[in-house]
Amino acid sequence: QAQMVESGGGLVQAGGSLRLSCAASGRSFINYAFGWFRQAPGKEREFVAAISWNGGRTYYADSVKGRFTITEDNAKNTVYLQMTTLKPEDTAVYSCAATRECVTSYDCSRLSSYNYWGQGTQVTVSP
């Protein structure tokens, strides 16, 4: 059974950094792209970043571009989200997901494209 487990969340002051990890297991994820999404209290889940299977393509939400970096280690089936210059508005539950439908930036940023999801990890940024 496919499983995705996030880690690395926590409490950080504004301007600080965190690195999230997402380990995928339970099935082959060859040719799968991975994405990060977040959901703040009272808000809908939103796209943060995505990376293609071979890492050749990355996509970012405008709100995190230049501050967040998504990378992957295919050998470990693990995807990372390096977050820097964090802001209070980045506070949310961050979830990783996997899809085989990441072809265009639209596909890669759409929640419905993703088949497998983790439970999420809380990131809290204090002022």
Foldseek 3Di string as FASTA:
>chain_A
DKAKAKDWADEEAAQAKIKMKIFIDDDDQQLKKKFKWWDDPPGDIFGAKIATRVRPDIDGDPVQPPFWDWDDDNVRNMIMIIGGSDDQVVWTWMKMFIANQPDDNVLRGDPVRTDDIHPTDTHGYHD
